[in-house]
Amino acid sequence: MVARFLQANCICGHPNACTSNERLQISSVRLNCNGYRRNKTSWRKVNLFNRWVKKHTIPLLVCCSSASASPVSYGSKGSLHDTHTAKGESVLILMRHGESMWNEKNLFTGCVDVPLTEKGVEEAIEAGKRISNVPIDIVYTSALIRSQMTAMLSLIQHRCKTVPTFLHNETEEARMWSQICSEDTTKQTIPIIKAWQLNERMYGNLQGFNKQQTAEKYGKEQVHKWRRSYDVRPPNGESLEMCLGRAVSYFKEQIEPLLDKQHVMVVAHANSLRSIIMYLDSLTSDEVINLELSTGVPMLYTYKTGKFIRRGSLAGSTEAGVYAHTESLALYRQRLDKISH
């Protein structure tokens, strides 16, 4: 199995808050709660919480699917996720968070950490129902609560009934205290990774101000440039180009490699998702600035032999079209139906 690496991030989401930029290796090595690793020839004592060093691993207690192991086990009924390894096709779901309290107030939010409104909660639940028949092995969110709330609320609607679980890798103690020691329970979880790189574009001095009032103060044309230009920064903030630099780099380095063997969902924000979609769909800078993303609407891509194919949004009648065009998704849904009956 090719090792996959996930970047450990500070719980606050700030890129410089942690003293280390430690990378954790996920491997298929079997663990028990006494801290032993089993290989083909012997048991070897492993310190689970040492920093990663050359020629050693720090295994994470997460469920990672492979050709021989699935994150969801259904006993005699078999593994639900075998279809994507057999067909060589995996799923990528992108979703903007549900409506936040500052979306409702029409305020520049950026990296200010505000929760969902009641409407946003409803959007997240409805989104979960739309993806309830789609396989998901691992989830990525930003470090902001509106993204995390949306992920949790949507995942608990899934028909496979696995438990979404945030991984806490901020410190050695956090990893130790939050570890799951039961292998069977681990198989029944969906790991969620928080990454500040997926945060919303930072709007600098505009954060907290009403968008309409800001347009009246500075002029609609100026505010439009700040909001919709590709390379123009708001005062002390990020341009879309800068946001793209961190979001797409993280996607290419940490998420895309997983799609060889896993189904992935990313719950993030308008501008970080615009950036990723620009990469996936090969959009120009003129095209991406006009891309509008609704809150709480999942977008589906399939990934096969290194290529992404957009399947559209999982809403209403389009869901039937998605399943009609992807055999592996149809098989997955059939297995869910069989298990539920």
C-alpha atoms as a PDB file:
ATOM      1  CA  MET A   1       0.000   0.000   0.000  1.00  0.00           C
ATOM      2  CA  VAL A   2       1.289   3.390  -0.927  1.00  0.00           C
ATOM      3  CA  ALA A   3       1.563   5.499   2.211  1.00  0.00           C
ATOM      4  CA  ARG A   4      -0.612   8.592   2.406  1.00  0.00           C
ATOM      5  CA  PHE A   5       0.311  11.682   4.306  1.00  0.00           C
ATOM      6  CA  LEU A   6      -1.964  14.090   6.141  1.00  0.00           C
ATOM      7  CA  GLN A   7      -0.749  17.387   7.490  1.00  0.00           C
ATOM      8  CA  ALA A   8      -1.284  18.009  11.187  1.00  0.00           C
ATOM      9  CA  ASN A   9      -2.884  21.391  11.816  1.00  0.00           C
ATOM     10  CA  CYS A  10      -3.418  23.534  14.869  1.00  0.00           C
ATOM     11  CA  ILE A  11      -6.968  23.291  16.223  1.00  0.00           C
ATOM     12  CA  CYS A  12      -7.342  27.048  15.879  1.00  0.00           C
ATOM     13  CA  GLY A  13      -6.595  26.774  12.174  1.00  0.00           C
ATOM     14  CA  HIS A  14      -3.753  29.309  12.159  1.00  0.00           C
ATOM     15  CA  PRO A  15      -0.858  28.179   9.953  1.00  0.00           C
ATOM     16  CA  ASN A  16       1.808  29.392  12.378  1.00  0.00           C
ATOM     17  CA  ALA A  17       0.175  28.498  15.690  1.00  0.00           C
ATOM     18  CA  CYS A  18       1.822  25.092  15.961  1.00  0.00           C
ATOM     19  CA  THR A  19       5.534  24.733  16.464  1.00  0.00           C
ATOM     20  CA  SER A  20       5.783  21.836  14.048  1.00  0.00           C
ATOM     21  CA  ASN A  21       4.566  21.115  10.562  1.00  0.00           C
ATOM     22  CA  GLU A  22       4.433  17.438  11.305  1.00  0.00           C
ATOM     23  CA  ARG A  23       3.169  15.037   8.690  1.00  0.00           C
ATOM     24  CA  LEU A  24       1.456  11.883   9.817  1.00  0.00           C
ATOM     25  CA  GLN A  25       1.620   8.715   7.807  1.00  0.00           C
ATOM     26  CA  ILE A  26      -1.465   6.594   7.453  1.00  0.00           C
ATOM     27  CA  SER A  27      -0.611   3.000   6.885  1.00  0.00           C
ATOM     28  CA  SER A  28      -2.396  -0.304   6.813  1.00  0.00           C
ATOM     29  CA  VAL A  29      -0.358  -1.510   9.796  1.00  0.00           C
ATOM     30  CA  ARG A  30      -2.537  -3.216  12.377  1.00  0.00           C
ATOM     31  CA  LEU A  31      -2.584  -1.662  15.861  1.00  0.00           C
ATOM     32  CA  ASN A  32      -3.648  -2.586  19.347  1.00  0.00           C
ATOM     33  CA  CYS A  33      -4.100  -0.319  22.351  1.00  0.00           C
ATOM     34  CA  ASN A  34      -0.793  -1.305  23.967  1.00  0.00           C
ATOM     35  CA  GLY A  35       1.104   0.458  21.232  1.00  0.00           C
ATOM     36  CA  TYR A  36       2.386  -2.519  19.274  1.00  0.00           C
ATOM     37  CA  ARG A  37       2.738  -2.807  15.536  1.00  0.00           C
ATOM     38  CA  ARG A  38       2.506  -6.159  13.839  1.00  0.00           C
ATOM     39  CA  ASN A  39       4.537  -7.010  10.753  1.00  0.00           C
ATOM     40  CA  LYS A  40       5.062 -10.289   8.947  1.00  0.00           C
ATOM     41  CA  THR A  41       7.777 -11.569  11.225  1.00  0.00           C
ATOM     42  CA  SER A  42       7.513  -9.993  14.645  1.00  0.00           C
ATOM     43  CA  TRP A  43       5.829  -7.652  17.100  1.00  0.00           C
ATOM     44  CA  ARG A  44       7.672  -4.428  17.559  1.00  0.00           C
ATOM     45  CA  LYS A  45       7.152  -1.829  20.254  1.00  0.00           C
ATOM     46  CA  VAL A  46       6.134   1.494  18.741  1.00  0.00           C
ATOM     47  CA  ASN A  47       5.715   4.851  20.406  1.00  0.00           C
ATOM     48  CA  LEU A  48       2.470   6.003  18.760  1.00  0.00           C
ATOM     49  CA  PHE A  49       3.018   9.598  19.692  1.00  0.00           C
ATOM     50  CA  ASN A  50       6.577  10.337  18.651  1.00  0.00           C
ATOM     51  CA  ARG A  51       6.953  12.703  15.750  1.00  0.00           C
ATOM     52  CA  TRP A  52       7.409  11.162  12.382  1.00  0.00           C
ATOM     53  CA  VAL A  53      11.037  10.424  11.651  1.00  0.00           C
ATOM     54  CA  LYS A  54      12.705   8.803   8.721  1.00  0.00           C
ATOM     55  CA  LYS A  55      12.168   5.035   8.398  1.00  0.00           C
ATOM     56  CA  HIS A  56       9.440   5.012  11.072  1.00  0.00           C
ATOM     57  CA  THR A  57       5.701   5.612  11.058  1.00  0.00           C
ATOM     58  CA  ILE A  58       3.153   7.200  13.331  1.00  0.00           C
ATOM     59  CA  PRO A  59       0.007   5.240  12.537  1.00  0.00           C
ATOM     60  CA  LEU A  60      -3.284   7.049  12.905  1.00  0.00           C
ATOM     61  CA  LEU A  61      -6.298   5.141  14.153  1.00  0.00           C
ATOM     62  CA  VAL A  62      -8.410   5.960  11.142  1.00  0.00           C
ATOM     63  CA  CYS A  63     -10.350   3.826   8.743  1.00  0.00           C
ATOM     64  CA  CYS A  64      -8.678   3.799   5.363  1.00  0.00           C
ATOM     65  CA  SER A  65      -9.983   1.618   2.605  1.00  0.00           C
ATOM     66  CA  SER A  66      -7.651  -0.537   0.593  1.00  0.00           C
ATOM     67  CA  ALA A  67      -7.951  -3.516  -1.672  1.00  0.00           C
ATOM     68  CA  SER A  68      -8.122  -5.756   1.365  1.00  0.00           C
ATOM     69  CA  ALA A  69      -9.846  -3.600   3.974  1.00  0.00           C
ATOM     70  CA  SER A  70     -12.869  -1.347   3.963  1.00  0.00           C
ATOM     71  CA  PRO A  71     -13.779   1.418   6.435  1.00  0.00           C
ATOM     72  CA  VAL A  72     -17.266  -0.037   6.716  1.00  0.00           C
ATOM     73  CA  SER A  73     -17.764  -3.685   7.614  1.00  0.00           C
ATOM     74  CA  TYR A  74     -21.121  -5.407   7.377  1.00  0.00           C
ATOM     75  CA  GLY A  75     -20.192  -8.904   8.475  1.00  0.00           C
ATOM     76  CA  SER A  76     -21.719 -11.611   6.321  1.00  0.00           C
ATOM     77  CA  LYS A  77     -23.261  -9.102   3.956  1.00  0.00           C
ATOM     78  CA  GLY A  78     -19.835  -7.999   2.789  1.00  0.00           C
ATOM     79  CA  SER A  79     -18.133  -4.668   2.333  1.00  0.00           C
ATOM     80  CA  LEU A  80     -20.040  -1.845   0.735  1.00  0.00           C
ATOM     81  CA  HIS A  81     -16.991  -0.124  -0.674  1.00  0.00           C
ATOM     82  CA  ASP A  82     -15.468  -2.951  -2.676  1.00  0.00           C
ATOM     83  CA  THR A  83     -17.086  -1.599  -5.846  1.00  0.00           C
ATOM     84  CA  HIS A  84     -14.744   1.336  -6.356  1.00  0.00           C
ATOM     85  CA  THR A  85     -11.613  -0.795  -6.100  1.00  0.00           C
ATOM     86  CA  ALA A  86     -13.031  -3.285  -8.581  1.00  0.00           C
ATOM     87  CA  LYS A  87     -14.143  -0.635 -11.065  1.00  0.00           C
ATOM     88  CA  GLY A  88     -11.177   1.686 -10.539  1.00  0.00           C
ATOM     89  CA  GLU A  89     -13.532   4.598  -9.920  1.00  0.00           C
ATOM     90  CA  SER A  90     -13.859   6.764  -6.848  1.00  0.00           C
ATOM     91  CA  VAL A  91     -16.080   9.648  -5.804  1.00  0.00           C
ATOM     92  CA  LEU A  92     -15.255  13.227  -4.844  1.00  0.00           C
ATOM     93  CA  ILE A  93     -18.005  15.325  -3.233  1.00  0.00           C
ATOM     94  CA  LEU A  94     -17.505  19.068  -2.880  1.00  0.00           C
ATOM     95  CA  MET A  95     -19.907  21.061  -0.734  1.00  0.00           C
ATOM     96  CA  ARG A  96     -20.112  24.628   0.475  1.00  0.00           C
ATOM     97  CA  HIS A  97     -21.230  24.984   4.075  1.00  0.00           C
ATOM     98  CA  GLY A  98     -24.836  25.827   4.903  1.00  0.00           C
ATOM     99  CA  GLU A  99     -25.950  29.405   5.432  1.00  0.00           C
ATOM    100  CA  SER A 100     -24.020  31.077   8.255  1.00  0.00           C
ATOM    101  CA  MET A 101     -25.286  33.793  10.589  1.00  0.00           C
ATOM    102  CA  TRP A 102     -23.179  36.361   8.745  1.00  0.00           C
ATOM    103  CA  ASN A 103     -24.401  35.137   5.355  1.00  0.00           C
ATOM    104  CA  GLU A 104     -27.869  35.925   6.659  1.00  0.00           C
ATOM    105  CA  LYS A 105     -26.783  39.411   7.742  1.00  0.00           C
ATOM    106  CA  ASN A 106     -24.954  40.022   4.427  1.00  0.00           C
ATOM    107  CA  LEU A 107     -21.632  40.635   6.171  1.00  0.00           C
ATOM    108  CA  PHE A 108     -18.126  39.955   4.874  1.00  0.00           C
ATOM    109  CA  THR A 109     -17.237  36.805   6.825  1.00  0.00           C
ATOM    110  CA  GLY A 110     -13.925  35.546   5.514  1.00  0.00           C
ATOM    111  CA  CYS A 111     -12.037  33.725   8.272  1.00  0.00           C
ATOM    112  CA  VAL A 112     -14.261  34.910  11.127  1.00  0.00           C
ATOM    113  CA  ASP A 113     -15.571  31.766  12.811  1.00  0.00           C
ATOM    114  CA  VAL A 114     -19.379  32.003  12.929  1.00  0.00           C
ATOM    115  CA  PRO A 115     -21.965  29.189  13.129  1.00  0.00           C
ATOM    116  CA  LEU A 116     -24.855  28.177  10.893  1.00  0.00           C
ATOM    117  CA  THR A 117     -28.335  29.652  10.997  1.00  0.00           C
ATOM    118  CA  GLU A 118     -31.401  27.454  11.388  1.00  0.00           C
ATOM    119  CA  LYS A 119     -31.687  27.575   7.600  1.00  0.00           C
ATOM    120  CA  GLY A 120     -28.045  26.506   7.340  1.00  0.00           C
ATOM    121  CA  VAL A 121     -28.712  23.536   9.613  1.00  0.00           C
ATOM    122  CA  GLU A 122     -31.655  22.531   7.416  1.00  0.00           C
ATOM    123  CA  GLU A 123     -29.510  22.894   4.297  1.00  0.00           C
ATOM    124  CA  ALA A 124     -26.844  20.628   5.787  1.00  0.00           C
ATOM    125  CA  ILE A 125     -29.403  17.975   6.708  1.00  0.00           C
ATOM    126  CA  GLU A 126     -30.970  18.129   3.246  1.00  0.00           C
ATOM    127  CA  ALA A 127     -27.532  17.851   1.656  1.00  0.00           C
ATOM    128  CA  GLY A 128     -26.902  14.768   3.764  1.00  0.00           C
ATOM    129  CA  LYS A 129     -30.039  13.150   2.422  1.00  0.00           C
ATOM    130  CA  ARG A 130     -28.857  13.834  -1.131  1.00  0.00           C
ATOM    131  CA  ILE A 131     -25.528  12.106  -0.550  1.00  0.00           C
ATOM    132  CA  SER A 132     -26.927   9.321   1.642  1.00  0.00           C
ATOM    133  CA  ASN A 133     -26.486   6.773  -1.169  1.00  0.00           C
ATOM    134  CA  VAL A 134     -22.973   7.854  -2.158  1.00  0.00           C
ATOM    135  CA  PRO A 135     -19.928   6.091  -0.636  1.00  0.00           C
ATOM    136  CA  ILE A 136     -17.713   8.223   1.628  1.00  0.00           C
ATOM    137  CA  ASP A 137     -14.480   6.992   3.268  1.00  0.00           C
ATOM    138  CA  ILE A 138     -12.912  10.185   4.579  1.00  0.00           C
ATOM    139  CA  VAL A 139     -13.953  13.836   4.930  1.00  0.00           C
ATOM    140  CA  TYR A 140     -12.028  17.102   4.891  1.00  0.00           C
ATOM    141  CA  THR A 141     -13.304  20.358   6.346  1.00  0.00           C
ATOM    142  CA  SER A 142     -11.819  23.763   6.948  1.00  0.00           C
ATOM    143  CA  ALA A 143     -10.848  24.850  10.451  1.00  0.00           C
ATOM    144  CA  LEU A 144     -14.035  26.948  10.674  1.00  0.00           C
ATOM    145  CA  ILE A 145     -17.129  25.825  12.585  1.00  0.00           C
ATOM    146  CA  ARG A 146     -19.657  26.441   9.797  1.00  0.00           C
ATOM    147  CA  SER A 147     -17.819  23.943   7.625  1.00  0.00           C
ATOM    148  CA  GLN A 148     -17.536  21.410  10.436  1.00  0.00           C
ATOM    149  CA  MET A 149     -21.203  21.722  11.441  1.00  0.00           C
ATOM    150  CA  THR A 150     -22.247  21.139   7.839  1.00  0.00           C
ATOM    151  CA  ALA A 151     -20.073  18.042   7.557  1.00  0.00           C
ATOM    152  CA  MET A 152     -21.371  16.491  10.761  1.00  0.00           C
ATOM    153  CA  LEU A 153     -25.044  17.216  10.084  1.00  0.00           C
ATOM    154  CA  SER A 154     -24.843  15.857   6.551  1.00  0.00           C
ATOM    155  CA  LEU A 155     -22.907  12.702   7.455  1.00  0.00           C
ATOM    156  CA  ILE A 156     -25.356  11.541  10.120  1.00  0.00           C
ATOM    157  CA  GLN A 157     -27.979  11.282   7.368  1.00  0.00           C
ATOM    158  CA  HIS A 158     -25.965   8.639   5.500  1.00  0.00           C
ATOM    159  CA  ARG A 159     -27.578   5.241   5.145  1.00  0.00           C
ATOM    160  CA  CYS A 160     -24.419   3.305   6.050  1.00  0.00           C
ATOM    161  CA  LYS A 161     -24.780   4.653   9.627  1.00  0.00           C
ATOM    162  CA  THR A 162     -21.059   5.062  10.256  1.00  0.00           C
ATOM    163  CA  VAL A 163     -20.100   7.610  12.905  1.00  0.00           C
ATOM    164  CA  PRO A 164     -18.296  10.792  11.737  1.00  0.00           C
ATOM    165  CA  THR A 165     -15.304  11.383  13.985  1.00  0.00           C
ATOM    166  CA  PHE A 166     -12.935  14.362  14.034  1.00  0.00           C
ATOM    167  CA  LEU A 167      -9.259  13.433  14.280  1.00  0.00           C
ATOM    168  CA  HIS A 168      -7.335  15.531  16.811  1.00  0.00           C
ATOM    169  CA  ASN A 169      -3.698  15.580  15.792  1.00  0.00           C
ATOM    170  CA  GLU A 170      -2.818  19.011  17.181  1.00  0.00           C
ATOM    171  CA  THR A 171      -0.597  17.634  19.943  1.00  0.00           C
ATOM    172  CA  GLU A 172       0.690  14.256  21.094  1.00  0.00           C
ATOM    173  CA  GLU A 173      -1.660  14.412  24.056  1.00  0.00           C
ATOM    174  CA  ALA A 174      -4.642  15.233  21.828  1.00  0.00           C
ATOM    175  CA  ARG A 175      -3.923  12.177  19.685  1.00  0.00           C
ATOM    176  CA  MET A 176      -3.533   9.969  22.736  1.00  0.00           C
ATOM    177  CA  TRP A 177      -6.733  11.133  24.426  1.00  0.00           C
ATOM    178  CA  SER A 178      -8.868  10.868  21.276  1.00  0.00           C
ATOM    179  CA  GLN A 179      -7.650   7.517  19.943  1.00  0.00           C
ATOM    180  CA  ILE A 180     -10.113   4.713  19.239  1.00  0.00           C
ATOM    181  CA  CYS A 181      -8.801   1.463  20.675  1.00  0.00           C
ATOM    182  CA  SER A 182     -11.394  -0.899  19.218  1.00  0.00           C
ATOM    183  CA  GLU A 183     -10.640  -2.128  15.719  1.00  0.00           C
ATOM    184  CA  ASP A 184     -14.298  -3.003  15.162  1.00  0.00           C
ATOM    185  CA  THR A 185     -15.417   0.474  16.233  1.00  0.00           C
ATOM    186  CA  THR A 186     -12.780   2.093  14.042  1.00  0.00           C
ATOM    187  CA  LYS A 187     -14.277   0.316  11.047  1.00  0.00           C
ATOM    188  CA  GLN A 188     -17.609   1.921  11.850  1.00  0.00           C
ATOM    189  CA  THR A 189     -16.311   5.498  11.754  1.00  0.00           C
ATOM    190  CA  ILE A 190     -15.690   8.087   9.049  1.00  0.00           C
ATOM    191  CA  PRO A 191     -12.593  10.162   9.885  1.00  0.00           C
ATOM    192  CA  ILE A 192     -12.809  13.944   9.461  1.00  0.00           C
ATOM    193  CA  ILE A 193      -9.642  15.985   8.898  1.00  0.00           C
ATOM    194  CA  LYS A 194      -9.571  19.733   9.609  1.00  0.00           C
ATOM    195  CA  ALA A 195      -7.302  21.872   7.435  1.00  0.00           C
ATOM    196  CA  TRP A 196      -6.831  25.655   7.649  1.00  0.00           C
ATOM    197  CA  GLN A 197      -5.781  25.614   3.993  1.00  0.00           C
ATOM    198  CA  LEU A 198      -9.445  25.016   3.084  1.00  0.00           C
ATOM    199  CA  ASN A 199     -10.585  28.115   5.015  1.00  0.00           C
ATOM    200  CA  GLU A 200     -12.537  30.856   3.301  1.00  0.00           C
ATOM    201  CA  ARG A 201     -10.636  33.657   1.601  1.00  0.00           C
ATOM    202  CA  MET A 202      -9.486  36.184   4.191  1.00  0.00           C
ATOM    203  CA  TYR A 203     -11.218  39.493   3.533  1.00  0.00           C
ATOM    204  CA  GLY A 204      -8.926  41.620   5.696  1.00  0.00           C
ATOM    205  CA  ASN A 205     -10.318  44.993   6.736  1.00  0.00           C
ATOM    206  CA  LEU A 206     -13.701  44.178   5.183  1.00  0.00           C
ATOM    207  CA  GLN A 207     -14.496  41.369   7.621  1.00  0.00           C
ATOM    208  CA  GLY A 208     -17.566  42.173   9.712  1.00  0.00           C
ATOM    209  CA  PHE A 209     -18.809  45.007   7.485  1.00  0.00           C
ATOM    210  CA  ASN A 210     -22.117  44.899   5.637  1.00  0.00           C
ATOM    211  CA  LYS A 211     -21.589  44.316   1.921  1.00  0.00           C
ATOM    212  CA  GLN A 212     -24.242  46.775   0.798  1.00  0.00           C
ATOM    213  CA  GLN A 213     -23.009  49.523   3.106  1.00  0.00           C
ATOM    214  CA  THR A 214     -19.427  48.890   2.007  1.00  0.00           C
ATOM    215  CA  ALA A 215     -20.499  49.305  -1.630  1.00  0.00           C
ATOM    216  CA  GLU A 216     -22.189  52.598  -0.776  1.00  0.00           C
ATOM    217  CA  LYS A 217     -19.038  53.822   0.986  1.00  0.00           C
ATOM    218  CA  TYR A 218     -16.375  52.761  -1.529  1.00  0.00           C
ATOM    219  CA  GLY A 219     -18.469  52.425  -4.674  1.00  0.00           C
ATOM    220  CA  LYS A 220     -19.993  49.340  -6.254  1.00  0.00           C
ATOM    221  CA  GLU A 221     -17.212  49.041  -8.818  1.00  0.00           C
ATOM    222  CA  GLN A 222     -14.455  48.989  -6.206  1.00  0.00           C
ATOM    223  CA  VAL A 223     -16.242  46.458  -4.007  1.00  0.00           C
ATOM    224  CA  HIS A 224     -16.938  44.300  -7.073  1.00  0.00           C
ATOM    225  CA  LYS A 225     -13.194  44.286  -7.815  1.00  0.00           C
ATOM    226  CA  TRP A 226     -12.418  43.248  -4.258  1.00  0.00           C
ATOM    227  CA  ARG A 227     -14.986  40.454  -4.347  1.00  0.00           C
ATOM    228  CA  ARG A 228     -14.784  39.134  -7.884  1.00  0.00           C
ATOM    229  CA  SER A 229     -11.365  39.945  -9.346  1.00  0.00           C
ATOM    230  CA  TYR A 230      -8.892  37.101  -9.561  1.00  0.00           C
ATOM    231  CA  ASP A 231      -5.762  38.952  -8.431  1.00  0.00           C
ATOM    232  CA  VAL A 232      -7.053  42.071  -6.606  1.00  0.00           C
ATOM    233  CA  ARG A 233      -6.779  42.017  -2.820  1.00  0.00           C
ATOM    234  CA  PRO A 234      -9.186  43.729  -0.413  1.00  0.00           C
ATOM    235  CA  PRO A 235      -7.309  45.894   2.132  1.00  0.00           C
ATOM    236  CA  ASN A 236      -5.027  43.576   4.151  1.00  0.00           C
ATOM    237  CA  GLY A 237      -6.813  40.531   2.761  1.00  0.00           C
ATOM    238  CA  GLU A 238      -6.337  37.743   0.227  1.00  0.00           C
ATOM    239  CA  SER A 239      -7.041  37.758  -3.473  1.00  0.00           C
ATOM    240  CA  LEU A 240      -8.729  34.728  -5.016  1.00  0.00           C
ATOM    241  CA  GLU A 241      -5.346  33.895  -6.539  1.00  0.00           C
ATOM    242  CA  MET A 242      -3.785  33.749  -3.071  1.00  0.00           C
ATOM    243  CA  CYS A 243      -6.628  31.608  -1.731  1.00  0.00           C
ATOM    244  CA  LEU A 244      -6.202  29.285  -4.707  1.00  0.00           C
ATOM    245  CA  GLY A 245      -2.504  28.915  -3.942  1.00  0.00           C
ATOM    246  CA  ARG A 246      -3.096  27.362  -0.514  1.00  0.00           C
ATOM    247  CA  ALA A 247      -6.342  25.479  -1.228  1.00  0.00           C
ATOM    248  CA  VAL A 248      -5.273  23.822  -4.477  1.00  0.00           C
ATOM    249  CA  SER A 249      -1.805  22.984  -3.167  1.00  0.00           C
ATOM    250  CA  TYR A 250      -3.360  21.211  -0.197  1.00  0.00           C
ATOM    251  CA  PHE A 251      -5.866  19.411  -2.421  1.00  0.00           C
ATOM    252  CA  LYS A 252      -3.182  18.180  -4.816  1.00  0.00           C
ATOM    253  CA  GLU A 253      -0.773  17.098  -2.072  1.00  0.00           C
ATOM    254  CA  GLN A 254      -3.106  15.675   0.571  1.00  0.00           C
ATOM    255  CA  ILE A 255      -6.499  14.818  -0.958  1.00  0.00           C
ATOM    256  CA  GLU A 256      -6.053  13.884  -4.609  1.00  0.00           C
ATOM    257  CA  PRO A 257      -3.645  10.977  -3.902  1.00  0.00           C
ATOM    258  CA  LEU A 258      -6.282   9.344  -1.676  1.00  0.00           C
ATOM    259  CA  LEU A 259      -8.716   9.099  -4.578  1.00  0.00           C
ATOM    260  CA  ASP A 260      -6.800   6.150  -5.997  1.00  0.00           C
ATOM    261  CA  LYS A 261      -8.429   4.001  -3.306  1.00  0.00           C
ATOM    262  CA  GLN A 262     -10.900   6.122  -1.330  1.00  0.00           C
ATOM    263  CA  HIS A 263     -14.091   8.138  -1.702  1.00  0.00           C
ATOM    264  CA  VAL A 264     -13.614  11.682  -0.374  1.00  0.00           C
ATOM    265  CA  MET A 265     -15.892  14.547   0.646  1.00  0.00           C
ATOM    266  CA  VAL A 266     -14.638  18.122   1.057  1.00  0.00           C
ATOM    267  CA  VAL A 267     -16.821  20.619   2.935  1.00  0.00           C
ATOM    268  CA  ALA A 268     -15.419  24.117   2.630  1.00  0.00           C
ATOM    269  CA  HIS A 269     -16.251  27.643   1.453  1.00  0.00           C
ATOM    270  CA  ALA A 270     -17.181  29.588  -1.642  1.00  0.00           C
ATOM    271  CA  ASN A 271     -13.695  30.776  -2.554  1.00  0.00           C
ATOM    272  CA  SER A 272     -11.663  27.751  -1.455  1.00  0.00           C
ATOM    273  CA  LEU A 273     -14.064  25.553  -3.446  1.00  0.00           C
ATOM    274  CA  ARG A 274     -13.962  27.920  -6.428  1.00  0.00           C
ATOM    275  CA  SER A 275     -10.215  27.453  -6.373  1.00  0.00           C
ATOM    276  CA  ILE A 276     -10.445  23.661  -6.332  1.00  0.00           C
ATOM    277  CA  ILE A 277     -13.097  23.630  -9.076  1.00  0.00           C
ATOM    278  CA  MET A 278     -10.885  25.883 -11.186  1.00  0.00           C
ATOM    279  CA  TYR A 279      -8.236  23.173 -10.963  1.00  0.00           C
ATOM    280  CA  LEU A 280     -10.610  20.252 -11.543  1.00  0.00           C
ATOM    281  CA  ASP A 281     -12.459  21.824 -14.482  1.00  0.00           C
ATOM    282  CA  SER A 282      -9.459  23.692 -15.968  1.00  0.00           C
ATOM    283  CA  LEU A 283     -11.257  27.037 -15.737  1.00  0.00           C
ATOM    284  CA  THR A 284      -9.651  30.313 -16.710  1.00  0.00           C
ATOM    285  CA  SER A 285      -9.332  33.211 -14.280  1.00  0.00           C
ATOM    286  CA  ASP A 286     -12.200  34.955 -16.100  1.00  0.00           C
ATOM    287  CA  GLU A 287     -14.424  31.889 -15.800  1.00  0.00           C
ATOM    288  CA  VAL A 288     -13.786  31.173 -12.131  1.00  0.00           C
ATOM    289  CA  ILE A 289     -14.671  34.674 -10.897  1.00  0.00           C
ATOM    290  CA  ASN A 290     -18.180  34.219 -12.289  1.00  0.00           C
ATOM    291  CA  LEU A 291     -18.676  30.818 -10.679  1.00  0.00           C
ATOM    292  CA  GLU A 292     -21.455  30.918  -8.078  1.00  0.00           C
ATOM    293  CA  LEU A 293     -21.779  28.205  -5.441  1.00  0.00           C
ATOM    294  CA  SER A 294     -24.968  27.830  -3.433  1.00  0.00           C
ATOM    295  CA  THR A 295     -24.814  27.005   0.268  1.00  0.00           C
ATOM    296  CA  GLY A 296     -25.437  23.400   1.219  1.00  0.00           C
ATOM    297  CA  VAL A 297     -25.528  21.913  -2.284  1.00  0.00           C
ATOM    298  CA  PRO A 298     -23.237  18.880  -2.858  1.00  0.00           C
ATOM    299  CA  MET A 299     -21.399  18.626  -6.170  1.00  0.00           C
ATOM    300  CA  LEU A 300     -20.296  15.222  -7.406  1.00  0.00           C
ATOM    301  CA  TYR A 301     -17.172  14.275  -9.358  1.00  0.00           C
ATOM    302  CA  THR A 302     -15.955  10.822 -10.288  1.00  0.00           C
ATOM    303  CA  TYR A 303     -12.243  10.068 -10.482  1.00  0.00           C
ATOM    304  CA  LYS A 304     -10.780   7.362 -12.685  1.00  0.00           C
ATOM    305  CA  THR A 305      -7.302   6.846 -14.143  1.00  0.00           C
ATOM    306  CA  GLY A 306      -6.212  10.305 -13.030  1.00  0.00           C
ATOM    307  CA  LYS A 307      -9.166  12.158 -14.555  1.00  0.00           C
ATOM    308  CA  PHE A 308     -11.999  14.047 -12.872  1.00  0.00           C
ATOM    309  CA  ILE A 309     -15.466  14.010 -14.422  1.00  0.00           C
ATOM    310  CA  ARG A 310     -18.074  16.402 -13.121  1.00  0.00           C
ATOM    311  CA  ARG A 311     -21.420  14.674 -12.555  1.00  0.00           C
ATOM    312  CA  GLY A 312     -23.300  17.746 -11.385  1.00  0.00           C
ATOM    313  CA  SER A 313     -25.167  18.515  -8.179  1.00  0.00           C
ATOM    314  CA  LEU A 314     -26.971  15.821  -6.243  1.00  0.00           C
ATOM    315  CA  ALA A 315     -30.365  17.485  -6.190  1.00  0.00           C
ATOM    316  CA  GLY A 316     -33.749  16.163  -7.185  1.00  0.00           C
ATOM    317  CA  SER A 317     -33.994  14.328 -10.464  1.00  0.00           C
ATOM    318  CA  THR A 318     -30.292  14.725 -11.318  1.00  0.00           C
ATOM    319  CA  GLU A 319     -29.432  12.029  -8.769  1.00  0.00           C
ATOM    320  CA  ALA A 320     -30.993   9.393 -11.038  1.00  0.00           C
ATOM    321  CA  GLY A 321     -28.837  10.621 -13.906  1.00  0.00           C
ATOM    322  CA  VAL A 322     -25.695  10.325 -11.804  1.00  0.00           C
ATOM    323  CA  TYR A 323     -26.427   6.724 -10.923  1.00  0.00           C
ATOM    324  CA  ALA A 324     -27.359   5.891 -14.495  1.00  0.00           C
ATOM    325  CA  HIS A 325     -23.918   7.047 -15.685  1.00  0.00           C
ATOM    326  CA  THR A 326     -21.780   5.355 -13.019  1.00  0.00           C
ATOM    327  CA  GLU A 327     -21.980   1.602 -12.600  1.00  0.00           C
ATOM    328  CA  SER A 328     -20.030   1.527  -9.333  1.00  0.00           C
ATOM    329  CA  LEU A 329     -22.412   4.016  -7.693  1.00  0.00           C
ATOM    330  CA  ALA A 330     -25.379   1.999  -8.884  1.00  0.00           C
ATOM    331  CA  LEU A 331     -23.875  -1.152  -7.341  1.00  0.00           C
ATOM    332  CA  TYR A 332     -23.193   0.681  -4.081  1.00  0.00           C
ATOM    333  CA  ARG A 333     -26.778   1.854  -3.887  1.00  0.00           C
ATOM    334  CA  GLN A 334     -28.045  -1.643  -4.611  1.00  0.00           C
ATOM    335  CA  ARG A 335     -26.012  -2.967  -1.691  1.00  0.00           C
ATOM    336  CA  LEU A 336     -27.413  -0.272   0.609  1.00  0.00           C
ATOM    337  CA  ASP A 337     -30.934  -1.229  -0.455  1.00  0.00           C
ATOM    338  CA  LYS A 338     -30.200  -4.901   0.166  1.00  0.00           C
ATOM    339  CA  ILE A 339     -28.784  -4.231   3.628  1.00  0.00           C
ATOM    340  CA  SER A 340     -31.664  -1.951   4.631  1.00  0.00           C
ATOM    341  CA  HIS A 341     -34.136  -4.681   3.747  1.00  0.00           C
END
